[in-house]
Protein backbone atom coordinates (compact mmCIF):
# COMPACT_ATOMS: atom_id res chain seq x y z
CA UNK A 1 8.19 18.65 -16.53
CA UNK A 2 11.99 18.27 -15.72
CA UNK A 3 12.82 14.52 -15.10
CA UNK A 4 15.14 15.49 -12.27
CA UNK A 5 12.02 16.69 -10.42
CA UNK A 6 10.24 13.73 -11.23
CA UNK A 7 12.86 11.59 -9.63
CA UNK A 8 13.17 13.78 -6.69
CA UNK A 9 9.46 13.92 -6.14
CA UNK A 10 8.69 10.30 -6.78
CA UNK A 11 6.24 9.15 -9.45
CA UNK A 12 3.50 8.06 -7.10
CA UNK A 13 3.71 11.28 -5.27
CA UNK A 14 3.18 13.29 -8.59
CA UNK A 15 0.21 11.21 -9.46
CA UNK A 16 -1.26 11.65 -6.08
CA UNK A 17 -0.50 15.47 -6.19
CA UNK A 18 -1.99 16.00 -9.64
CA UNK A 19 -5.03 13.81 -8.76
CA UNK A 20 -5.79 15.73 -5.55
CA UNK A 21 -5.98 19.06 -7.30
CA UNK A 22 -7.89 17.59 -10.27
CA UNK A 23 -5.94 19.54 -13.00
CA UNK A 24 -7.74 19.73 -16.38
CA UNK A 25 -4.72 20.86 -18.36
CA UNK A 26 -3.97 18.68 -21.37
CA UNK A 27 -0.25 18.60 -20.49
CA UNK A 28 -0.96 17.60 -17.05
CA UNK A 29 -3.37 14.90 -18.12
CA UNK A 30 -0.67 13.56 -20.36
CA UNK A 31 1.68 13.38 -17.24
CA UNK A 32 -0.75 11.61 -15.41
CA UNK A 33 -1.20 8.94 -18.21
CA UNK A 34 2.56 8.52 -18.45
CA UNK A 35 2.94 7.70 -14.84
CA UNK A 36 -0.36 5.81 -14.20
CA UNK A 37 1.26 2.54 -14.75
CA UNK A 38 3.69 3.14 -11.85
CA UNK A 39 3.62 0.31 -9.17
CA UNK A 40 1.96 1.37 -5.86
CA UNK A 41 4.44 1.36 -3.11
CA UNK A 42 2.94 0.32 0.19
CA UNK A 43 3.46 3.26 2.63
CA UNK A 44 3.19 0.94 5.65
CA UNK A 45 6.58 -0.15 6.89
CA UNK A 46 5.55 -0.73 10.55
CA UNK A 47 3.11 -3.68 11.08
CA UNK A 48 0.88 -3.24 14.12
CA UNK A 49 -0.84 -6.28 15.52
CA UNK A 50 0.27 -9.86 14.91
CA UNK A 51 0.64 -13.11 17.08
CA UNK A 52 4.18 -14.11 16.17
CA UNK A 53 5.42 -15.02 19.62
CA UNK A 54 5.53 -18.87 19.66
CA UNK A 55 3.29 -20.93 21.72
CA UNK A 56 1.57 -18.27 24.06
CA UNK A 57 -1.65 -17.75 22.26
CA UNK A 58 -3.59 -18.62 18.88
CA UNK A 59 -0.68 -17.50 16.76
CA UNK A 60 2.44 -19.33 15.54
CA UNK A 61 3.35 -22.59 17.49
CA UNK A 62 7.13 -22.75 16.89
CA UNK A 63 10.03 -20.58 16.60
CA UNK A 64 10.66 -21.67 12.97
CA UNK A 65 7.24 -20.62 12.15
CA UNK A 66 7.77 -17.19 13.56
CA UNK A 67 11.02 -16.70 11.56
CA UNK A 68 9.39 -17.82 8.39
CA UNK A 69 6.69 -15.14 8.69
CA UNK A 70 9.01 -12.40 10.03
CA UNK A 71 11.21 -13.04 6.69
CA UNK A 72 8.20 -12.68 4.62
CA UNK A 73 7.35 -9.44 6.19
CA UNK A 74 10.91 -8.16 5.45
CA UNK A 75 10.61 -9.38 1.85
CA UNK A 76 7.61 -6.97 1.66
CA UNK A 77 9.51 -3.98 2.83
CA UNK A 78 8.57 -3.88 6.48
CA UNK A 79 11.19 -2.67 8.67
CA UNK A 80 9.45 -2.87 12.23
CA UNK A 81 6.83 -5.47 13.51
CA UNK A 82 4.82 -4.64 16.81
CA UNK A 83 3.90 -8.13 17.85
CA UNK A 84 0.62 -8.23 20.12
CA UNK A 85 -0.23 -11.51 21.93
CA UNK A 86 -3.49 -11.99 23.39
CA UNK A 87 -4.10 -11.40 27.08
CA UNK A 88 -7.18 -13.03 27.83
CA UNK A 89 -7.81 -14.16 31.54
CA UNK A 90 -9.59 -17.43 30.98
CA UNK A 91 -7.64 -18.58 27.82
CA UNK A 92 -4.36 -16.88 27.34
CA UNK A 93 -3.43 -15.36 30.76
CA UNK A 94 -0.16 -13.82 29.35
CA UNK A 95 1.91 -11.50 31.66
CA UNK A 96 4.59 -8.90 30.95
CA UNK A 97 7.20 -11.53 31.88
CA UNK A 98 5.89 -14.27 29.64
CA UNK A 99 5.74 -11.80 26.66
CA UNK A 100 9.19 -10.36 27.24
CA UNK A 101 10.78 -13.77 27.63
CA UNK A 102 9.35 -14.89 24.22
CA UNK A 103 10.25 -11.58 22.47
CA UNK A 104 13.88 -12.07 23.57
CA UNK A 105 13.91 -15.46 22.19
CA UNK A 106 12.75 -14.29 18.87
CA UNK A 107 14.97 -11.42 18.81
CA UNK A 108 18.00 -13.67 19.58
CA UNK A 109 16.93 -16.05 16.75
CA UNK A 110 16.66 -13.11 14.24
CA UNK A 111 20.14 -11.96 15.16
CA UNK A 112 21.50 -15.44 14.80
CA UNK A 113 19.93 -15.71 11.34
CA UNK A 114 20.97 -12.16 10.47
CA UNK A 115 17.56 -11.14 9.60
CA UNK A 116 17.70 -7.36 9.85
CA UNK A 117 14.13 -6.25 11.06
CA UNK A 118 13.15 -4.66 14.31
CA UNK A 119 10.52 -6.23 16.49
CA UNK A 120 8.93 -5.24 19.73
CA UNK A 121 6.02 -6.52 21.68
CA UNK A 122 2.87 -5.11 23.15
CA UNK A 123 -0.34 -6.87 23.79
CA UNK A 124 -3.91 -7.32 22.56
CA UNK A 125 -6.26 -6.94 25.67
CA UNK A 126 -9.65 -8.54 25.93
CA UNK A 127 -12.06 -6.27 27.82
CA UNK A 128 -13.02 -8.27 30.93
CA UNK A 129 -12.95 -7.64 34.71
CA UNK A 130 -9.20 -9.02 34.73
CA UNK A 131 -8.46 -5.99 32.15
CA UNK A 132 -9.90 -3.61 34.51
CA UNK A 133 -7.70 -4.90 37.27
CA UNK A 134 -4.66 -4.68 35.01
CA UNK A 135 -5.44 -1.12 34.39
CA UNK A 136 -5.94 -0.29 37.98
CA UNK A 137 -2.45 -1.79 38.86
CA UNK A 138 -1.02 -0.17 35.68
CA UNK A 139 0.37 -3.65 34.61
CA UNK A 140 0.16 -2.89 31.02
CA UNK A 141 2.12 -3.26 27.87
CA UNK A 142 1.52 -0.27 25.49
CA UNK A 143 2.99 0.03 22.05
CA UNK A 144 4.93 3.32 21.47
CA UNK A 145 4.74 4.02 25.07
CA UNK A 146 1.21 5.25 25.14
CA UNK A 147 -1.18 3.17 22.96
CA UNK A 148 -3.25 0.28 24.37
CA UNK A 149 -4.61 -2.25 21.76
CA UNK A 150 -7.70 -3.90 23.13
CA UNK A 151 -10.59 -5.93 21.64
CA UNK A 152 -14.16 -7.19 22.86
CA UNK A 153 -16.57 -10.02 22.17
CA UNK A 154 -17.64 -9.95 18.57
CA UNK A 155 -21.20 -10.67 19.33
CA UNK A 156 -22.16 -8.40 22.24
CA UNK A 157 -20.85 -5.05 23.68
CA UNK A 158 -19.28 -5.45 27.13
CA UNK A 159 -21.12 -3.61 29.93
CA UNK A 160 -17.84 -2.32 31.11
CA UNK A 161 -16.54 -1.17 27.74
CA UNK A 162 -16.90 2.63 28.44
CA UNK A 163 -15.47 2.19 31.84
CA UNK A 164 -12.49 0.48 30.45
CA UNK A 165 -11.98 3.31 27.98
CA UNK A 166 -12.23 5.85 30.77
CA UNK A 167 -9.85 3.92 32.95
CA UNK A 168 -7.25 3.63 30.16
CA UNK A 169 -7.27 7.37 29.60
CA UNK A 170 -7.21 8.03 33.37
CA UNK A 171 -3.89 6.22 33.34
CA UNK A 172 -2.55 8.45 30.46
CA UNK A 173 -3.12 5.73 27.80
CA UNK A 174 -4.66 6.18 24.34
CA UNK A 175 -7.21 3.25 23.70
CA UNK A 176 -6.89 1.46 20.12
CA UNK A 177 -9.68 -0.77 19.27
CA UNK A 178 -8.49 -3.79 17.27
CA UNK A 179 -10.26 -4.67 14.09
CA UNK A 180 -13.51 -2.56 14.54
CA UNK A 181 -14.90 -3.91 11.37
CA UNK A 182 -15.41 -7.31 13.10
CA UNK A 183 -17.83 -6.36 15.78
CA UNK A 184 -21.34 -7.71 14.78
CA UNK A 185 -22.94 -5.89 17.67
CA UNK A 186 -22.09 -2.42 15.98
CA UNK A 187 -23.14 -3.46 12.38
CA UNK A 188 -26.47 -1.89 12.66
CA UNK A 189 -25.38 1.05 14.76
CA UNK A 190 -22.85 3.18 12.86
CA UNK A 191 -23.46 5.89 15.24
CA UNK A 192 -21.85 3.76 18.15
CA UNK A 193 -18.59 3.61 15.97
CA UNK A 194 -18.74 7.42 15.90
CA UNK A 195 -19.41 7.51 19.66
CA UNK A 196 -16.31 5.53 20.39
CA UNK A 197 -14.38 7.98 18.13
CA UNK A 198 -15.73 10.96 20.14
CA UNK A 199 -14.79 9.32 23.39
CA UNK A 200 -11.07 9.23 21.96
CA UNK A 201 -10.83 5.64 20.75
CA UNK A 202 -8.56 5.01 17.82
CA UNK A 203 -9.34 2.29 15.22
CA UNK A 204 -6.90 -0.24 13.99
CA UNK A 205 -8.22 -2.08 10.88
CA UNK A 206 -7.02 -5.49 9.81
CA UNK A 207 -5.64 -5.68 6.09
CA UNK A 208 -6.85 -9.16 5.89
CA UNK A 209 -10.54 -7.97 6.41
CA UNK A 210 -10.36 -6.91 2.82
CA UNK A 211 -9.67 -10.35 1.33
CA UNK A 212 -13.38 -11.52 0.96
CA UNK A 213 -15.60 -9.06 -0.71
CA UNK A 214 -18.83 -10.93 0.01
CA UNK A 215 -18.23 -10.94 3.79
CA UNK A 216 -19.92 -8.49 6.22
CA UNK A 217 -16.39 -7.78 7.75
CA UNK A 218 -15.35 -6.51 4.23
CA UNK A 219 -18.40 -4.38 3.78
CA UNK A 220 -18.14 -2.77 7.27
CA UNK A 221 -14.36 -2.23 6.62
CA UNK A 222 -15.28 -0.29 3.50
CA UNK A 223 -17.69 1.79 5.37
CA UNK A 224 -15.20 2.69 7.98
CA UNK A 225 -12.66 3.48 5.24
CA UNK A 226 -15.14 5.89 3.54
CA UNK A 227 -16.00 7.51 6.90
CA UNK A 228 -12.19 8.28 7.40
CA UNK A 229 -12.12 6.92 10.83
CA UNK A 230 -9.27 4.36 10.57
CA UNK A 231 -6.03 5.32 12.43
CA UNK A 232 -3.84 2.29 12.10
CA UNK A 233 -3.47 -0.61 9.79
CA UNK A 234 -2.23 -3.90 10.89
CA UNK A 235 -1.94 -7.51 9.53
CA UNK A 236 -3.19 -9.50 12.61
CA UNK A 237 -0.96 -12.22 11.17
CA UNK A 238 -1.32 -15.55 12.91
CA UNK A 239 0.07 -17.79 10.05
CA UNK A 240 2.08 -17.52 6.92
CA UNK A 241 -1.19 -17.46 4.74
CA UNK A 242 -2.02 -14.17 6.50
CA UNK A 243 1.12 -12.56 5.14
CA UNK A 244 0.56 -14.01 1.62
CA UNK A 245 -3.00 -12.58 1.70
CA UNK A 246 -1.38 -9.24 2.76
CA UNK A 247 0.91 -9.32 -0.27
CA UNK A 248 -2.00 -9.67 -2.63
CA UNK A 249 -4.27 -7.10 -0.88
CA UNK A 250 -1.68 -4.17 -0.94
CA UNK A 251 -1.56 -4.16 -4.63
CA UNK A 252 -5.46 -3.82 -4.75
CA UNK A 253 -7.26 -0.43 -5.29
CA UNK A 254 -9.31 -0.91 -2.06
CA UNK A 255 -6.03 -0.81 -0.13
CA UNK A 256 -4.99 2.41 -1.79
CA UNK A 257 -8.37 3.85 -0.80
CA UNK A 258 -7.34 3.75 2.86
CA UNK A 259 -4.62 6.30 2.47
CA UNK A 260 -6.72 8.56 0.38
CA UNK A 261 -9.51 8.69 2.85
CA UNK A 262 -7.74 8.41 6.42
CA UNK A 263 -4.80 9.62 8.27
CA UNK A 264 -2.90 6.49 9.12
CA UNK A 265 -0.40 6.74 12.03
CA UNK A 266 1.92 3.82 11.39
CA UNK A 267 3.21 4.41 7.98
CA UNK A 268 7.08 5.09 8.28
CA UNK A 269 7.09 5.80 11.94
CA UNK A 270 4.63 5.78 14.92
CA UNK A 271 3.03 9.00 15.84
C-alpha cells in the first residue's frame, strides 16, 4: 500500500476500514498488524453535558476551578464545551438570565487568559411540574437550537415523564435523556429504554459511567452500547477528577466500542 495513501487516509481509518470488511488476505493482515499499535484518537471534540459555571449548581464553586477544568479539556483536544447547569425548582432554580450571566463571566475570563476554546450554555432539566411550566411558556435553553437535555429521579419513573416528552416535541424540540445508564427504575425493564427510543428520545451517556467495572451503572452502560442506542457522549464533569478520569477512559477498549456500535452525533460537530 502506497504510504502517501496511508497518510491521507489516516492509520486509524485504515484499521477500522479493514476490520469492518474482515479481509482474510495475508498482505492485508500484515498491514493491520503494522498499524495495530497506533494510538486511538478520541473522535469527540465537543463535550456535551458539564457543570462548569461557578456557583450555580453542584458543579464548580469558583471561576478558577472552572478555568482549570476547561484548560484540561483543551489539552485533551476538545474544541467546544456545552455547559449544562441543573435547573431543579427546589434546589437549583436557575433561569436563562442567571445562566447567561455566568456564561459571559467564564467567556471573558477565557479570553483574558487567552484560552482558545469555545463554550456555550444550555441546561439539564429535572422532570417536575416546574419543567412542564417552562415548556408551556417556552422558556427553555436548548443546545444546538433544538435539543433539550433532561433527567429524572434515579429511583422512580415520574408519572409525567411521557407527557414531558410529548410537550417538548410539540414545541419543536428533540428530547435528550441525560445518562440513561443511571436510572435504576429501568434496570429490570430494558424494554422501557426501547420504548423511550421509539418515542423519539435520544440518549446521552456519561463517559465516567465506564470508570467502575463492578458497578450496575457500568453494566447498564455496556448493555446500552451493545444495543446501539447511544446518541451523544458527555463528560458530566463537575470536578477536575472527572476530566482526569475521562483522560484514562478514552484510551480504553470499552470507549472505542461506543463508536463501533453507535451513531454518535457530537463528534466533530453537532448534527
